[in-house]
Every structure is written in structure tokens, then in C-alpha cells.
């Protein structure tokens, strides 16, 4: 059964200019290393514009099931290039706004 790993966060106001270049670094890395992301069914990024927390980012990582999520996530985030990207990303984010959830479709 498909599962989604949902991450939400707000970028620090003084780091907003650095977010787009960091995002493009990730997207380029993802495109250049398809084997690393093999098994990831989809990845989407949304920005909340109305309601709730202003400028909240929502990342949606889709996997076949929980076992696949654990295996693929471990492979991705143990990669040296992704460790660097992830570390830089977390320096841009307000730590108290970062959360992660696992969703599964029911209908």
C-alpha cells in the first residue's frame, strides 16, 4: 500500500534568498543520480499560500510501502552528496517548524 512521507517547514526569513538555489541543487542532484532515488514513486513540493501558517512548505515523498520508504530513505540520506544537501537545507529552516508525518491513502 502506498505511503507518503510528509515534511512541513518554514524557511528562516533571513535565509529565503538562499532557499531557491538550495532547492535547485537538490533537484539537479536528484536528476543526475537516478539510481540513488530508484523506488521513490514521486516527490512534490508545495507552498501554502492561504490558511494556516504563512509560507509553509510541504514536501511529499511517495513510496510503495513502509519497508520501501525505510530502505530508500536510508540509501538517499546515507549518500555523501545528499548528506551535504540535507545539512545545508536544515540550516535554512526554522527548527521549531519542521515536522514529518506518514500518510497512507484509505479511499
PDB file of N, CA and C in Angstrom:
ATOM      1  N   UNK A   1       0.846  -1.184   0.000  1.00  0.00           N
ATOM      2  CA  UNK A   1       0.000   0.000   0.000  1.00  0.00           C
ATOM      3  C   UNK A   1       0.889   1.244   0.000  1.00  0.00           C
ATOM      4  N   UNK A   2       0.609   2.175  -0.868  1.00  0.00           N
ATOM      5  CA  UNK A   2       1.381   3.407  -0.982  1.00  0.00           C
ATOM      6  C   UNK A   2       1.389   4.173   0.334  1.00  0.00           C
ATOM      7  N   UNK A   3       2.537   4.762   0.660  1.00  0.00           N
ATOM      8  CA  UNK A   3       2.649   5.646   1.818  1.00  0.00           C
ATOM      9  C   UNK A   3       3.318   6.940   1.369  1.00  0.00           C
ATOM     10  N   UNK A   4       3.013   7.998   2.084  1.00  0.00           N
ATOM     11  CA  UNK A   4       3.597   9.305   1.823  1.00  0.00           C
ATOM     12  C   UNK A   4       4.318   9.769   3.077  1.00  0.00           C
ATOM     13  N   UNK A   5       5.561  10.190   2.906  1.00  0.00           N
ATOM     14  CA  UNK A   5       6.286  10.835   3.992  1.00  0.00           C
ATOM     15  C   UNK A   5       6.123  12.332   3.749  1.00  0.00           C
ATOM     16  N   UNK A   6       5.428  12.998   4.647  1.00  0.00           N
ATOM     17  CA  UNK A   6       5.124  14.423   4.509  1.00  0.00           C
ATOM     18  C   UNK A   6       5.992  15.207   5.485  1.00  0.00           C
ATOM     19  N   UNK A   7       6.747  16.152   4.957  1.00  0.00           N
ATOM     20  CA  UNK A   7       7.559  17.032   5.794  1.00  0.00           C
ATOM     21  C   UNK A   7       7.071  18.458   5.605  1.00  0.00           C
ATOM     22  N   UNK A   8       6.921  19.170   6.702  1.00  0.00           N
ATOM     23  CA  UNK A   8       6.491  20.572   6.644  1.00  0.00           C
ATOM     24  C   UNK A   8       7.518  21.428   7.380  1.00  0.00           C
ATOM     25  N   UNK A   9       7.683  22.661   6.879  1.00  0.00           N
ATOM     26  CA  UNK A   9       8.657  23.555   7.488  1.00  0.00           C
ATOM     27  C   UNK A   9       8.470  24.973   6.959  1.00  0.00           C
ATOM     28  N   UNK A  10       9.071  25.919   7.674  1.00  0.00           N
ATOM     29  CA  UNK A  10       9.123  27.321   7.261  1.00  0.00           C
ATOM     30  C   UNK A  10      10.597  27.694   7.141  1.00  0.00           C
ATOM     31  N   UNK A  11      10.932  28.380   6.072  1.00  0.00           N
ATOM     32  CA  UNK A  11      12.300  28.846   5.858  1.00  0.00           C
ATOM     33  C   UNK A  11      12.513  30.109   6.697  1.00  0.00           C
ATOM     34  N   UNK A  12      13.673  30.190   7.359  1.00  0.00           N
ATOM     35  CA  UNK A  12      14.002  31.382   8.147  1.00  0.00           C
ATOM     36  C   UNK A  12      13.912  32.614   7.251  1.00  0.00           C
ATOM     37  N   UNK A  13      13.367  33.700   7.765  1.00  0.00           N
ATOM     38  CA  UNK A  13      13.178  34.896   6.942  1.00  0.00           C
ATOM     39  C   UNK A  13      14.500  35.408   6.378  1.00  0.00           C
ATOM     40  N   UNK A  14      15.570  35.349   7.151  1.00  0.00           N
ATOM     41  CA  UNK A  14      16.860  35.846   6.666  1.00  0.00           C
ATOM     42  C   UNK A  14      17.541  34.879   5.688  1.00  0.00           C
ATOM     43  N   UNK A  15      16.957  33.693   5.482  1.00  0.00           N
ATOM     44  CA  UNK A  15      17.537  32.686   4.592  1.00  0.00           C
ATOM     45  C   UNK A  15      16.707  32.452   3.331  1.00  0.00           C
ATOM     46  N   UNK A  16      15.635  33.216   3.145  1.00  0.00           N
ATOM     47  CA  UNK A  16      14.739  32.980   2.000  1.00  0.00           C
ATOM     48  C   UNK A  16      15.450  33.089   0.658  1.00  0.00           C
ATOM     49  N   UNK A  17      16.404  34.008   0.533  1.00  0.00           N
ATOM     50  CA  UNK A  17      17.130  34.164  -0.733  1.00  0.00           C
ATOM     51  C   UNK A  17      18.012  32.955  -1.038  1.00  0.00           C
ATOM     52  N   UNK A  18      18.357  32.185  -0.024  1.00  0.00           N
ATOM     53  CA  UNK A  18      19.209  31.012  -0.202  1.00  0.00           C
ATOM     54  C   UNK A  18      18.405  29.749  -0.506  1.00  0.00           C
ATOM     55  N   UNK A  19      17.094  29.797  -0.294  1.00  0.00           N
ATOM     56  CA  UNK A  19      16.284  28.589  -0.437  1.00  0.00           C
ATOM     57  C   UNK A  19      16.188  28.112  -1.891  1.00  0.00           C
ATOM     58  N   UNK A  20      15.880  28.999  -2.831  1.00  0.00           N
ATOM     59  CA  UNK A  20      15.736  28.568  -4.230  1.00  0.00           C
ATOM     60  C   UNK A  20      17.013  27.962  -4.798  1.00  0.00           C
ATOM     61  N   UNK A  21      18.194  28.564  -4.573  1.00  0.00           N
ATOM     62  CA  UNK A  21      19.406  27.897  -5.053  1.00  0.00           C
ATOM     63  C   UNK A  21      19.607  26.511  -4.415  1.00  0.00           C
ATOM     64  N   UNK A  22      19.281  26.382  -3.130  1.00  0.00           N
ATOM     65  CA  UNK A  22      19.408  25.082  -2.456  1.00  0.00           C
ATOM     66  C   UNK A  22      18.417  24.075  -3.035  1.00  0.00           C
ATOM     67  N   UNK A  23      17.216  24.533  -3.334  1.00  0.00           N
ATOM     68  CA  UNK A  23      16.212  23.662  -3.943  1.00  0.00           C
ATOM     69  C   UNK A  23      16.690  23.170  -5.302  1.00  0.00           C
ATOM     70  N   UNK A  24      17.236  24.067  -6.106  1.00  0.00           N
ATOM     71  CA  UNK A  24      17.729  23.682  -7.425  1.00  0.00           C
ATOM     72  C   UNK A  24      18.935  22.742  -7.328  1.00  0.00           C
ATOM     73  N   UNK A  25      19.753  22.925  -6.301  1.00  0.00           N
ATOM     74  CA  UNK A  25      20.864  21.997  -6.082  1.00  0.00           C
ATOM     75  C   UNK A  25      20.318  20.587  -5.835  1.00  0.00           C
ATOM     76  N   UNK A  26      19.292  20.479  -4.992  1.00  0.00           N
ATOM     77  CA  UNK A  26      18.667  19.179  -4.732  1.00  0.00           C
ATOM     78  C   UNK A  26      18.048  18.603  -6.009  1.00  0.00           C
ATOM     79  N   UNK A  27      17.278  19.404  -6.727  1.00  0.00           N
ATOM     80  CA  UNK A  27      16.618  18.907  -7.937  1.00  0.00           C
ATOM     81  C   UNK A  27      17.630  18.438  -8.979  1.00  0.00           C
ATOM     82  N   UNK A  28      18.719  19.168  -9.143  1.00  0.00           N
ATOM     83  CA  UNK A  28      19.766  18.760 -10.072  1.00  0.00           C
ATOM     84  C   UNK A  28      20.424  17.462  -9.614  1.00  0.00           C
ATOM     85  N   UNK A  29      20.687  17.364  -8.322  1.00  0.00           N
ATOM     86  CA  UNK A  29      21.307  16.158  -7.787  1.00  0.00           C
ATOM     87  C   UNK A  29      20.391  14.954  -8.000  1.00  0.00           C
ATOM     88  N   UNK A  30      19.115  15.154  -7.745  1.00  0.00           N
ATOM     89  CA  UNK A  30      18.122  14.086  -7.929  1.00  0.00           C
ATOM     90  C   UNK A  30      18.097  13.633  -9.391  1.00  0.00           C
ATOM     91  N   UNK A  31      18.140  14.568 -10.313  1.00  0.00           N
ATOM     92  CA  UNK A  31      18.110  14.252 -11.740  1.00  0.00           C
ATOM     93  C   UNK A  31      19.400  13.560 -12.195  1.00  0.00           C
ATOM     94  N   UNK A  32      20.534  13.973 -11.626  1.00  0.00           N
ATOM     95  CA  UNK A  32      21.826  13.431 -12.028  1.00  0.00           C
ATOM     96  C   UNK A  32      22.144  12.074 -11.382  1.00  0.00           C
ATOM     97  N   UNK A  33      21.370  11.681 -10.364  1.00  0.00           N
ATOM     98  CA  UNK A  33      21.621  10.432  -9.644  1.00  0.00           C
ATOM     99  C   UNK A  33      20.342   9.584  -9.567  1.00  0.00           C
ATOM    100  N   UNK A  34      19.800   9.181 -10.716  1.00  0.00           N
ATOM    101  CA  UNK A  34      18.525   8.445 -10.705  1.00  0.00           C
ATOM    102  C   UNK A  34      18.579   7.122  -9.932  1.00  0.00           C
ATOM    103  N   UNK A  35      19.717   6.445  -9.945  1.00  0.00           N
ATOM    104  CA  UNK A  35      19.814   5.170  -9.217  1.00  0.00           C
ATOM    105  C   UNK A  35      19.651   5.380  -7.714  1.00  0.00           C
ATOM    106  N   UNK A  36      20.126   6.498  -7.219  1.00  0.00           N
ATOM    107  CA  UNK A  36      20.013   6.807  -5.791  1.00  0.00           C
ATOM    108  C   UNK A  36      18.548   6.935  -5.374  1.00  0.00           C
ATOM    109  N   UNK A  37      17.724   7.465  -6.268  1.00  0.00           N
ATOM    110  CA  UNK A  37      16.311   7.712  -5.962  1.00  0.00           C
ATOM    111  C   UNK A  37      15.393   6.628  -6.527  1.00  0.00           C
ATOM    112  N   UNK A  38      15.978   5.534  -7.014  1.00  0.00           N
ATOM    113  CA  UNK A  38      15.182   4.442  -7.568  1.00  0.00           C
ATOM    114  C   UNK A  38      14.231   3.902  -6.500  1.00  0.00           C
ATOM    115  N   UNK A  39      12.978   3.727  -6.880  1.00  0.00           N
ATOM    116  CA  UNK A  39      11.956   3.251  -5.952  1.00  0.00           C
ATOM    117  C   UNK A  39      11.117   4.370  -5.344  1.00  0.00           C
ATOM    118  N   UNK A  40      11.606   5.597  -5.414  1.00  0.00           N
ATOM    119  CA  UNK A  40      10.809   6.747  -4.985  1.00  0.00           C
ATOM    120  C   UNK A  40       9.758   6.970  -6.061  1.00  0.00           C
ATOM    121  N   UNK A  41       8.496   6.813  -5.715  1.00  0.00           N
ATOM    122  CA  UNK A  41       7.437   6.901  -6.720  1.00  0.00           C
ATOM    123  C   UNK A  41       7.204   8.333  -7.179  1.00  0.00           C
ATOM    124  N   UNK A  42       7.281   9.272  -6.251  1.00  0.00           N
ATOM    125  CA  UNK A  42       7.133  10.682  -6.618  1.00  0.00           C
ATOM    126  C   UNK A  42       7.652  11.553  -5.484  1.00  0.00           C
ATOM    127  N   UNK A  43       7.991  12.785  -5.843  1.00  0.00           N
ATOM    128  CA  UNK A  43       8.390  13.801  -4.881  1.00  0.00           C
ATOM    129  C   UNK A  43       7.774  15.110  -5.347  1.00  0.00           C
ATOM    130  N   UNK A  44       7.086  15.782  -4.433  1.00  0.00           N
ATOM    131  CA  UNK A  44       6.447  17.061  -4.764  1.00  0.00           C
ATOM    132  C   UNK A  44       6.740  18.054  -3.652  1.00  0.00           C
ATOM    133  N   UNK A  45       6.776  19.327  -4.008  1.00  0.00           N
ATOM    134  CA  UNK A  45       6.959  20.407  -3.040  1.00  0.00           C
ATOM    135  C   UNK A  45       5.857  21.426  -3.259  1.00  0.00           C
ATOM    136  N   UNK A  46       5.193  21.779  -2.182  1.00  0.00           N
ATOM    137  CA  UNK A  46       4.112  22.767  -2.215  1.00  0.00           C
ATOM    138  C   UNK A  46       4.458  23.892  -1.254  1.00  0.00           C
ATOM    139  N   UNK A  47       3.889  25.072  -1.517  1.00  0.00           N
ATOM    140  CA  UNK A  47       3.989  26.175  -0.571  1.00  0.00           C
ATOM    141  C   UNK A  47       2.580  26.630  -0.251  1.00  0.00           C
ATOM    142  N   UNK A  48       2.270  26.656   1.019  1.00  0.00           N
ATOM    143  CA  UNK A  48       0.943  27.071   1.472  1.00  0.00           C
ATOM    144  C   UNK A  48       0.814  28.582   1.322  1.00  0.00           C
ATOM    145  N   UNK A  49      -0.225  29.008   0.634  1.00  0.00           N
ATOM    146  CA  UNK A  49      -0.412  30.438   0.403  1.00  0.00           C
ATOM    147  C   UNK A  49      -1.562  31.029   1.202  1.00  0.00           C
ATOM    148  N   UNK A  50      -2.488  30.212   1.625  1.00  0.00           N
ATOM    149  CA  UNK A  50      -3.656  30.740   2.325  1.00  0.00           C
ATOM    150  C   UNK A  50      -4.058  29.760   3.411  1.00  0.00           C
ATOM    151  N   UNK A  51      -4.360  30.288   4.592  1.00  0.00           N
ATOM    152  CA  UNK A  51      -4.778  29.453   5.707  1.00  0.00           C
ATOM    153  C   UNK A  51      -3.587  28.867   6.443  1.00  0.00           C
ATOM    154  N   UNK A  52      -3.740  28.648   7.712  1.00  0.00           N
ATOM    155  CA  UNK A  52      -2.671  28.033   8.496  1.00  0.00           C
ATOM    156  C   UNK A  52      -1.454  28.923   8.601  1.00  0.00           C
ATOM    157  N   UNK A  53      -0.301  28.307   8.567  1.00  0.00           N
ATOM    158  CA  UNK A  53       0.971  29.009   8.714  1.00  0.00           C
ATOM    159  C   UNK A  53       1.396  29.578   7.358  1.00  0.00           C
ATOM    160  N   UNK A  54       1.645  30.874   7.316  1.00  0.00           N
ATOM    161  CA  UNK A  54       2.042  31.523   6.058  1.00  0.00           C
ATOM    162  C   UNK A  54       3.395  31.003   5.589  1.00  0.00           C
ATOM    163  N   UNK A  55       3.515  30.809   4.283  1.00  0.00           N
ATOM    164  CA  UNK A  55       4.761  30.375   3.642  1.00  0.00           C
ATOM    165  C   UNK A  55       5.270  29.020   4.111  1.00  0.00           C
ATOM    166  N   UNK A  56       4.363  28.175   4.585  1.00  0.00           N
ATOM    167  CA  UNK A  56       4.725  26.824   4.984  1.00  0.00           C
ATOM    168  C   UNK A  56       5.026  25.999   3.743  1.00  0.00           C
ATOM    169  N   UNK A  57       6.136  25.286   3.757  1.00  0.00           N
ATOM    170  CA  UNK A  57       6.475  24.370   2.673  1.00  0.00           C
ATOM    171  C   UNK A  57       6.030  22.966   3.075  1.00  0.00           C
ATOM    172  N   UNK A  58       5.552  22.215   2.100  1.00  0.00           N
ATOM    173  CA  UNK A  58       5.086  20.855   2.321  1.00  0.00           C
ATOM    174  C   UNK A  58       5.746  19.967   1.274  1.00  0.00           C
ATOM    175  N   UNK A  59       6.598  19.049   1.736  1.00  0.00           N
ATOM    176  CA  UNK A  59       7.240  18.080   0.847  1.00  0.00           C
ATOM    177  C   UNK A  59       6.474  16.772   0.948  1.00  0.00           C
ATOM    178  N   UNK A  60       6.243  16.154  -0.193  1.00  0.00           N
ATOM    179  CA  UNK A  60       5.520  14.890  -0.233  1.00  0.00           C
ATOM    180  C   UNK A  60       6.379  13.862  -0.961  1.00  0.00           C
ATOM    181  N   UNK A  61       6.868  12.879  -0.227  1.00  0.00           N
ATOM    182  CA  UNK A  61       7.666  11.781  -0.763  1.00  0.00           C
ATOM    183  C   UNK A  61       6.771  10.551  -0.817  1.00  0.00           C
ATOM    184  N   UNK A  62       6.596   9.964  -1.994  1.00  0.00           N
ATOM    185  CA  UNK A  62       5.703   8.810  -2.152  1.00  0.00           C
ATOM    186  C   UNK A  62       6.520   7.523  -2.348  1.00  0.00           C
ATOM    187  N   UNK A  63       6.156   6.497  -1.572  1.00  0.00           N
ATOM    188  CA  UNK A  63       6.820   5.204  -1.625  1.00  0.00           C
ATOM    189  C   UNK A  63       5.781   4.097  -1.754  1.00  0.00           C
ATOM    190  N   UNK A  64       6.235   2.937  -2.206  1.00  0.00           N
ATOM    191  CA  UNK A  64       5.339   1.790  -2.380  1.00  0.00           C
ATOM    192  C   UNK A  64       4.757   1.325  -1.046  1.00  0.00           C
ATOM    193  N   UNK A  65       5.574   1.284   0.002  1.00  0.00           N
ATOM    194  CA  UNK A  65       5.122   0.857   1.326  1.00  0.00           C
ATOM    195  C   UNK A  65       6.153   1.317   2.363  1.00  0.00           C
ATOM    196  N   UNK A  66       5.893   1.026   3.640  1.00  0.00           N
ATOM    197  CA  UNK A  66       6.792   1.471   4.705  1.00  0.00           C
ATOM    198  C   UNK A  66       8.188   0.864   4.582  1.00  0.00           C
ATOM    199  N   UNK A  67       8.264  -0.402   4.217  1.00  0.00           N
ATOM    200  CA  UNK A  67       9.570  -1.046   4.075  1.00  0.00           C
ATOM    201  C   UNK A  67      10.386  -0.360   2.978  1.00  0.00           C
ATOM    202  N   UNK A  68       9.745  -0.056   1.862  1.00  0.00           N
ATOM    203  CA  UNK A  68      10.428   0.643   0.770  1.00  0.00           C
ATOM    204  C   UNK A  68      10.859   2.034   1.227  1.00  0.00           C
ATOM    205  N   UNK A  69      10.015   2.723   1.972  1.00  0.00           N
ATOM    206  CA  UNK A  69      10.346   4.055   2.467  1.00  0.00           C
ATOM    207  C   UNK A  69      11.612   3.999   3.324  1.00  0.00           C
ATOM    208  N   UNK A  70      11.678   3.034   4.225  1.00  0.00           N
ATOM    209  CA  UNK A  70      12.845   2.917   5.108  1.00  0.00           C
ATOM    210  C   UNK A  70      14.112   2.609   4.309  1.00  0.00           C
ATOM    211  N   UNK A  71      14.028   1.674   3.382  1.00  0.00           N
ATOM    212  CA  UNK A  71      15.190   1.272   2.588  1.00  0.00           C
ATOM    213  C   UNK A  71      15.669   2.404   1.687  1.00  0.00           C
ATOM    214  N   UNK A  72      14.752   3.016   0.971  1.00  0.00           N
ATOM    215  CA  UNK A  72      15.110   4.060   0.008  1.00  0.00           C
ATOM    216  C   UNK A  72      15.590   5.319   0.728  1.00  0.00           C
ATOM    217  N   UNK A  73      14.914   5.693   1.800  1.00  0.00           N
ATOM    218  CA  UNK A  73      15.335   6.873   2.565  1.00  0.00           C
ATOM    219  C   UNK A  73      16.731   6.681   3.134  1.00  0.00           C
ATOM    220  N   UNK A  74      17.002   5.485   3.650  1.00  0.00           N
ATOM    221  CA  UNK A  74      18.344   5.207   4.180  1.00  0.00           C
ATOM    222  C   UNK A  74      19.386   5.336   3.079  1.00  0.00           C
ATOM    223  N   UNK A  75      19.089   4.798   1.896  1.00  0.00           N
ATOM    224  CA  UNK A  75      20.028   4.879   0.778  1.00  0.00           C
ATOM    225  C   UNK A  75      20.267   6.343   0.385  1.00  0.00           C
ATOM    226  N   UNK A  76      19.187   7.106   0.272  1.00  0.00           N
ATOM    227  CA  UNK A  76      19.299   8.506  -0.145  1.00  0.00           C
ATOM    228  C   UNK A  76      20.095   9.322   0.869  1.00  0.00           C
ATOM    229  N   UNK A  77      19.729   9.213   2.144  1.00  0.00           N
ATOM    230  CA  UNK A  77      20.311  10.111   3.143  1.00  0.00           C
ATOM    231  C   UNK A  77      21.623   9.606   3.737  1.00  0.00           C
ATOM    232  N   UNK A  78      22.100   8.439   3.298  1.00  0.00           N
ATOM    233  CA  UNK A  78      23.450   7.986   3.635  1.00  0.00           C
ATOM    234  C   UNK A  78      24.448   8.331   2.536  1.00  0.00           C
ATOM    235  N   UNK A  79      23.959   8.821   1.422  1.00  0.00           N
ATOM    236  CA  UNK A  79      24.805   9.267   0.325  1.00  0.00           C
ATOM    237  C   UNK A  79      25.513  10.562   0.727  1.00  0.00           C
ATOM    238  N   UNK A  80      26.813  10.647   0.458  1.00  0.00           N
ATOM    239  CA  UNK A  80      27.598  11.822   0.880  1.00  0.00           C
ATOM    240  C   UNK A  80      27.069  13.130   0.283  1.00  0.00           C
ATOM    241  N   UNK A  81      26.696  13.111  -0.990  1.00  0.00           N
ATOM    242  CA  UNK A  81      26.153  14.322  -1.610  1.00  0.00           C
ATOM    243  C   UNK A  81      24.850  14.767  -0.962  1.00  0.00           C
ATOM    244  N   UNK A  82      23.982  13.808  -0.664  1.00  0.00           N
ATOM    245  CA  UNK A  82      22.710  14.152  -0.027  1.00  0.00           C
ATOM    246  C   UNK A  82      22.894  14.563   1.428  1.00  0.00           C
ATOM    247  N   UNK A  83      23.903  14.032   2.088  1.00  0.00           N
ATOM    248  CA  UNK A  83      24.190  14.477   3.464  1.00  0.00           C
ATOM    249  C   UNK A  83      24.515  15.966   3.462  1.00  0.00           C
ATOM    250  N   UNK A  84      25.328  16.389   2.486  1.00  0.00           N
ATOM    251  CA  UNK A  84      25.702  17.807   2.369  1.00  0.00           C
ATOM    252  C   UNK A  84      24.476  18.663   2.058  1.00  0.00           C
ATOM    253  N   UNK A  85      23.652  18.213   1.118  1.00  0.00           N
ATOM    254  CA  UNK A  85      22.446  18.957   0.745  1.00  0.00           C
ATOM    255  C   UNK A  85      21.495  19.052   1.935  1.00  0.00           C
ATOM    256  N   UNK A  86      21.298  17.942   2.635  1.00  0.00           N
ATOM    257  CA  UNK A  86      20.382  17.909   3.783  1.00  0.00           C
ATOM    258  C   UNK A  86      20.877  18.820   4.909  1.00  0.00           C
ATOM    259  N   UNK A  87      22.169  18.787   5.179  1.00  0.00           N
ATOM    260  CA  UNK A  87      22.735  19.649   6.221  1.00  0.00           C
ATOM    261  C   UNK A  87      22.517  21.125   5.881  1.00  0.00           C
ATOM    262  N   UNK A  88      22.767  21.494   4.625  1.00  0.00           N
ATOM    263  CA  UNK A  88      22.547  22.874   4.194  1.00  0.00           C
ATOM    264  C   UNK A  88      21.093  23.274   4.279  1.00  0.00           C
ATOM    265  N   UNK A  89      20.208  22.343   3.893  1.00  0.00           N
ATOM    266  CA  UNK A  89      18.767  22.601   3.965  1.00  0.00           C
ATOM    267  C   UNK A  89      18.339  22.900   5.395  1.00  0.00           C
ATOM    268  N   UNK A  90      18.792  22.081   6.335  1.00  0.00           N
ATOM    269  CA  UNK A  90      18.361  22.260   7.728  1.00  0.00           C
ATOM    270  C   UNK A  90      18.885  23.554   8.342  1.00  0.00           C
ATOM    271  N   UNK A  91      19.909  24.144   7.760  1.00  0.00           N
ATOM    272  CA  UNK A  91      20.381  25.450   8.223  1.00  0.00           C
ATOM    273  C   UNK A  91      19.478  26.577   7.740  1.00  0.00           C
ATOM    274  N   UNK A  92      18.644  26.307   6.727  1.00  0.00           N
ATOM    275  CA  UNK A  92      17.732  27.319   6.191  1.00  0.00           C
ATOM    276  C   UNK A  92      16.376  27.321   6.893  1.00  0.00           C
ATOM    277  N   UNK A  93      16.062  26.248   7.584  1.00  0.00           N
ATOM    278  CA  UNK A  93      14.727  26.018   8.138  1.00  0.00           C
ATOM    279  C   UNK A  93      14.662  26.410   9.609  1.00  0.00           C
ATOM    280  N   UNK A  94      13.516  27.022   9.986  1.00  0.00           N
ATOM    281  CA  UNK A  94      13.246  27.267  11.405  1.00  0.00           C
ATOM    282  C   UNK A  94      13.046  25.908  12.064  1.00  0.00           C
ATOM    283  N   UNK A  95      13.942  25.501  12.971  1.00  0.00           N
ATOM    284  CA  UNK A  95      13.872  24.149  13.513  1.00  0.00           C
ATOM    285  C   UNK A  95      12.546  23.818  14.200  1.00  0.00           C
ATOM    286  N   UNK A  96      11.937  24.789  14.838  1.00  0.00           N
ATOM    287  CA  UNK A  96      10.690  24.506  15.557  1.00  0.00           C
ATOM    288  C   UNK A  96       9.500  24.311  14.628  1.00  0.00           C
ATOM    289  N   UNK A  97       9.672  24.601  13.346  1.00  0.00           N
ATOM    290  CA  UNK A  97       8.564  24.429  12.399  1.00  0.00           C
ATOM    291  C   UNK A  97       8.660  23.122  11.625  1.00  0.00           C
ATOM    292  N   UNK A  98       9.787  22.423  11.731  1.00  0.00           N
ATOM    293  CA  UNK A  98       9.983  21.193  10.951  1.00  0.00           C
ATOM    294  C   UNK A  98       9.207  20.044  11.586  1.00  0.00           C
ATOM    295  N   UNK A  99       8.418  19.365  10.756  1.00  0.00           N
ATOM    296  CA  UNK A  99       7.721  18.167  11.235  1.00  0.00           C
ATOM    297  C   UNK A  99       7.650  17.154  10.107  1.00  0.00           C
ATOM    298  N   UNK A 100       7.505  15.902  10.485  1.00  0.00           N
ATOM    299  CA  UNK A 100       7.373  14.845   9.498  1.00  0.00           C
ATOM    300  C   UNK A 100       6.229  13.926   9.904  1.00  0.00           C
ATOM    301  N   UNK A 101       5.481  13.470   8.904  1.00  0.00           N
ATOM    302  CA  UNK A 101       4.314  12.624   9.120  1.00  0.00           C
ATOM    303  C   UNK A 101       4.303  11.543   8.069  1.00  0.00           C
ATOM    304  N   UNK A 102       3.690  10.424   8.380  1.00  0.00           N
ATOM    305  CA  UNK A 102       3.494   9.383   7.374  1.00  0.00           C
ATOM    306  C   UNK A 102       2.004   9.265   7.149  1.00  0.00           C
ATOM    307  N   UNK A 103       1.624   9.405   5.892  1.00  0.00           N
ATOM    308  CA  UNK A 103       0.218   9.286   5.489  1.00  0.00           C
ATOM    309  C   UNK A 103       0.047   8.032   4.647  1.00  0.00           C
ATOM    310  N   UNK A 104      -1.109   7.435   4.724  1.00  0.00           N
ATOM    311  CA  UNK A 104      -1.460   6.348   3.824  1.00  0.00           C
ATOM    312  C   UNK A 104      -2.861   6.587   3.297  1.00  0.00           C
ATOM    313  N   UNK A 105      -3.086   6.343   2.022  1.00  0.00           N
ATOM    314  CA  UNK A 105      -4.430   6.579   1.469  1.00  0.00           C
ATOM    315  C   UNK A 105      -5.391   5.506   1.976  1.00  0.00           C
ATOM    316  N   UNK A 106      -6.647   5.903   2.179  1.00  0.00           N
ATOM    317  CA  UNK A 106      -7.652   4.944   2.644  1.00  0.00           C
ATOM    318  C   UNK A 106      -8.836   4.848   1.703  1.00  0.00           C
ATOM    319  N   UNK A 107      -8.940   5.768   0.765  1.00  0.00           N
ATOM    320  CA  UNK A 107     -10.055   5.688  -0.200  1.00  0.00           C
ATOM    321  C   UNK A 107      -9.596   6.199  -1.540  1.00  0.00           C
TER     322      UNK A 107
END
